[in-house]
Amino acid sequence: MISDISAPRVIKIPKKLKVEELTAIFNDLFSDSLNTHLEGGADEPLYLPASYSCKHNRLIFCQDYISSALHEIAHWCLAGEKRRNLIDYGYWYHPDGRSEIQQKIFEKVEVRPQALEWIFSVAASHSFTVSTDNLLGEIDTSHYFLQSVLEQTHIWCREPMPERGLLFAKALSHFFKTQPFSSSLYQFS
């Protein structure tokens, strides 16, 4: 009998982050206050401070990849004022195919950015994977690196995180109706 059929359940599908929304959230927060614009479409990520040819700082991420944007935003949120006056913050970077020693240096400087990226990802209901950024190398992600990223994420769930990172995480959290500051959300399988 048709009258015995119950109404279909309403399935709540999480909102999927779009690159245009991410760019708008970032630019609304930081375009005027810190003269910084988030832009996609590049072959490689790059931070360019304001110059004679461009009056604003440019935070450029790869193609339309959300993960690239969140990662570059994390670096920007951690860079101090002096670093934000340098191309790519003046950081060391050795491209894909790093040696074991180079990979250890990379992992050491990537703990904080990847922990912050993870919080941004949770705030935006976006997937996150720890990246060794060494596809051509023969070195696996170290347990120490994974554990360090996890520990830093847990620290920022209970202690103050960098101000720009907190502002951005809260903006994402507000937009996506998430609560990204609980340590229980951050675990490795």
Protein backbone atom coordinates (compact mmCIF):
# COMPACT_ATOMS: atom_id res chain seq x y z
CA MET A 1 0.00 0.00 0.00
CA ILE A 2 1.43 3.38 -1.00
CA SER A 3 0.35 5.14 2.18
CA ASP A 4 2.68 2.86 4.17
CA ILE A 5 5.76 4.25 2.43
CA SER A 6 7.52 6.71 4.69
CA ALA A 7 8.84 10.01 3.45
CA PRO A 8 12.38 9.90 2.13
CA ARG A 9 15.10 10.84 4.55
CA VAL A 10 16.72 14.18 3.98
CA ILE A 11 20.40 13.53 3.43
CA LYS A 12 22.60 16.45 4.29
CA ILE A 13 25.45 16.65 1.81
CA PRO A 14 28.37 18.76 3.02
CA LYS A 15 29.02 21.88 1.00
CA LYS A 16 32.03 21.46 -1.28
CA LEU A 17 34.57 24.25 -1.27
CA LYS A 18 34.90 26.02 -4.60
CA VAL A 19 38.07 27.86 -5.57
CA GLU A 20 36.09 31.07 -6.17
CA GLU A 21 34.66 30.93 -2.64
CA LEU A 22 38.06 30.27 -1.12
CA THR A 23 39.58 33.18 -3.03
CA ALA A 24 36.71 35.48 -2.01
CA ILE A 25 36.98 34.52 1.68
CA PHE A 26 40.73 35.16 1.72
CA ASN A 27 40.54 38.39 -0.27
CA ASP A 28 37.66 39.73 1.84
CA LEU A 29 39.78 39.20 4.94
CA PHE A 30 43.20 40.35 3.74
CA SER A 31 42.99 42.36 0.53
CA ASP A 32 42.44 45.70 2.24
CA SER A 33 43.92 44.99 5.68
CA LEU A 34 47.21 43.45 4.49
CA ASN A 35 47.21 44.38 0.79
CA THR A 36 47.37 40.70 -0.21
CA HIS A 37 45.40 38.99 -2.99
CA LEU A 38 44.97 35.24 -3.43
CA GLU A 39 45.13 34.10 -7.06
CA GLY A 40 45.03 30.73 -8.77
CA GLY A 41 46.03 29.48 -12.18
CA ALA A 42 49.82 29.17 -11.87
CA ASP A 43 51.96 26.20 -12.88
CA GLU A 44 53.87 26.55 -9.60
CA PRO A 45 52.87 28.31 -6.37
CA LEU A 46 54.55 31.64 -5.66
CA TYR A 47 54.37 34.57 -3.27
CA LEU A 48 55.23 37.97 -4.75
CA PRO A 49 55.46 41.04 -2.54
CA ALA A 50 54.09 44.34 -3.82
CA SER A 51 56.36 46.09 -6.31
CA TYR A 52 56.42 48.92 -8.80
CA SER A 53 54.63 46.74 -11.34
CA CYS A 54 51.95 45.46 -8.91
CA LYS A 55 50.78 47.47 -5.93
CA HIS A 56 49.53 44.50 -3.92
CA ASN A 57 51.13 41.32 -2.59
CA ARG A 58 50.18 38.25 -4.61
CA LEU A 59 49.72 34.80 -3.10
CA ILE A 60 49.51 32.51 -6.12
CA PHE A 61 48.53 28.84 -6.00
CA CYS A 62 48.65 26.02 -8.57
CA GLN A 63 45.92 25.81 -11.17
CA ASP A 64 42.59 25.68 -9.32
CA TYR A 65 43.76 23.21 -6.67
CA ILE A 66 42.14 23.89 -3.31
CA SER A 67 44.88 22.00 -1.45
CA SER A 68 47.56 24.14 -3.10
CA ALA A 69 45.70 27.30 -2.10
CA LEU A 70 45.26 26.17 1.52
CA HIS A 71 48.92 25.19 1.73
CA GLU A 72 50.13 28.53 0.33
CA ILE A 73 47.78 30.40 2.66
CA ALA A 74 49.28 28.46 5.58
CA HIS A 75 52.78 29.58 4.59
CA TRP A 76 51.58 33.17 4.26
CA CYS A 77 49.89 33.05 7.68
CA LEU A 78 53.15 31.92 9.27
CA ALA A 79 55.49 34.32 7.49
CA GLY A 80 56.47 37.36 9.51
CA GLU A 81 56.39 40.91 8.20
CA LYS A 82 60.02 40.87 7.01
CA ARG A 83 59.55 37.55 5.21
CA ARG A 84 56.42 38.88 3.48
CA ASN A 85 58.65 41.48 1.79
CA LEU A 86 60.67 38.74 0.03
CA ILE A 87 59.76 36.64 -3.00
CA ASP A 88 58.51 33.30 -1.66
CA TYR A 89 59.37 34.69 1.79
CA GLY A 90 63.05 34.01 1.11
CA TYR A 91 62.55 30.37 2.10
CA TRP A 92 64.81 27.55 1.01
CA TYR A 93 63.22 25.16 -1.44
CA HIS A 94 64.76 22.26 -3.30
CA PRO A 95 62.54 20.77 -6.01
CA ASP A 96 61.22 17.25 -6.29
CA GLY A 97 63.80 14.45 -6.15
CA ARG A 98 65.43 15.52 -2.87
CA SER A 99 68.09 13.46 -1.12
CA GLU A 100 67.43 12.01 2.33
CA ILE A 101 69.21 14.96 3.99
CA GLN A 102 67.33 17.51 1.87
CA GLN A 103 64.06 15.73 2.66
CA LYS A 104 64.73 15.95 6.41
CA ILE A 105 65.31 19.71 6.06
CA PHE A 106 62.09 20.00 4.05
CA GLU A 107 60.11 18.07 6.66
CA LYS A 108 61.48 20.20 9.47
CA VAL A 109 60.25 23.45 7.89
CA GLU A 110 56.94 21.97 6.71
CA VAL A 111 55.51 20.83 10.07
CA ARG A 112 53.82 24.12 10.98
CA PRO A 113 52.48 24.95 7.48
CA GLN A 114 51.02 21.48 7.05
CA ALA A 115 49.45 21.51 10.51
CA LEU A 116 47.81 24.85 9.72
CA GLU A 117 46.72 23.59 6.29
CA TRP A 118 45.09 20.61 8.02
CA ILE A 119 43.08 22.92 10.28
CA PHE A 120 42.03 25.00 7.24
CA SER A 121 41.02 21.80 5.43
CA VAL A 122 38.85 20.63 8.32
CA ALA A 123 37.32 24.12 8.64
CA ALA A 124 36.44 23.99 4.92
CA SER A 125 35.27 20.35 4.92
CA HIS A 126 38.06 19.60 2.47
CA SER A 127 40.25 16.50 2.45
CA PHE A 128 43.83 16.75 3.65
CA THR A 129 46.89 14.60 3.06
CA VAL A 130 50.30 15.23 4.56
CA SER A 131 52.65 15.95 1.68
CA THR A 132 56.32 15.13 1.40
CA ASP A 133 56.34 16.95 -1.96
CA ASN A 134 58.99 14.52 -3.21
CA LEU A 135 57.30 12.34 -5.83
CA LEU A 136 60.52 11.65 -7.70
CA GLY A 137 62.49 10.88 -4.55
CA GLU A 138 62.74 7.40 -3.13
CA ILE A 139 62.06 8.47 0.44
CA ASP A 140 58.78 7.70 2.19
CA THR A 141 57.10 10.08 4.59
CA SER A 142 58.83 9.64 7.93
CA HIS A 143 56.90 8.65 11.02
CA TYR A 144 58.57 11.57 12.79
CA PHE A 145 57.17 14.04 10.22
CA LEU A 146 53.65 12.62 10.45
CA GLN A 147 53.77 12.66 14.24
CA SER A 148 55.15 16.22 14.29
CA VAL A 149 52.36 17.53 12.03
CA LEU A 150 49.76 15.77 14.19
CA GLU A 151 51.25 17.14 17.43
CA GLN A 152 51.41 20.71 16.07
CA THR A 153 47.77 20.49 14.96
CA HIS A 154 46.75 19.32 18.45
CA ILE A 155 48.73 22.18 20.02
CA TRP A 156 46.86 24.73 17.91
CA CYS A 157 43.55 23.19 18.96
CA ARG A 158 44.27 24.08 22.58
CA GLU A 159 46.70 27.02 22.43
CA PRO A 160 46.70 30.24 20.40
CA MET A 161 47.65 29.85 16.78
CA PRO A 162 49.08 32.57 14.53
CA GLU A 163 46.59 35.46 14.29
CA ARG A 164 46.12 35.45 10.50
CA GLY A 165 45.69 31.68 10.55
CA LEU A 166 43.08 31.93 13.28
CA LEU A 167 41.16 34.62 11.37
CA PHE A 168 41.16 32.56 8.20
CA ALA A 169 40.21 29.30 9.97
CA LYS A 170 37.34 31.08 11.71
CA ALA A 171 36.14 32.58 8.42
CA LEU A 172 36.15 29.14 6.80
CA SER A 173 34.48 27.66 9.85
CA HIS A 174 31.74 30.29 9.74
CA PHE A 175 31.16 29.79 6.01
CA PHE A 176 31.05 25.99 6.22
CA LYS A 177 29.44 25.73 9.68
CA THR A 178 32.29 23.59 11.02
CA GLN A 179 34.11 23.37 14.34
CA PRO A 180 37.77 22.75 13.41
CA PHE A 181 39.35 23.31 16.83
CA SER A 182 38.82 19.90 18.41
CA SER A 183 41.87 17.64 18.69
CA SER A 184 39.66 14.59 18.17
CA LEU A 185 39.21 15.60 14.51
CA TYR A 186 42.92 15.13 13.80
CA GLN A 187 44.11 11.52 13.66
CA PHE A 188 45.93 9.32 11.19
CA SER A 189 44.34 6.00 10.23
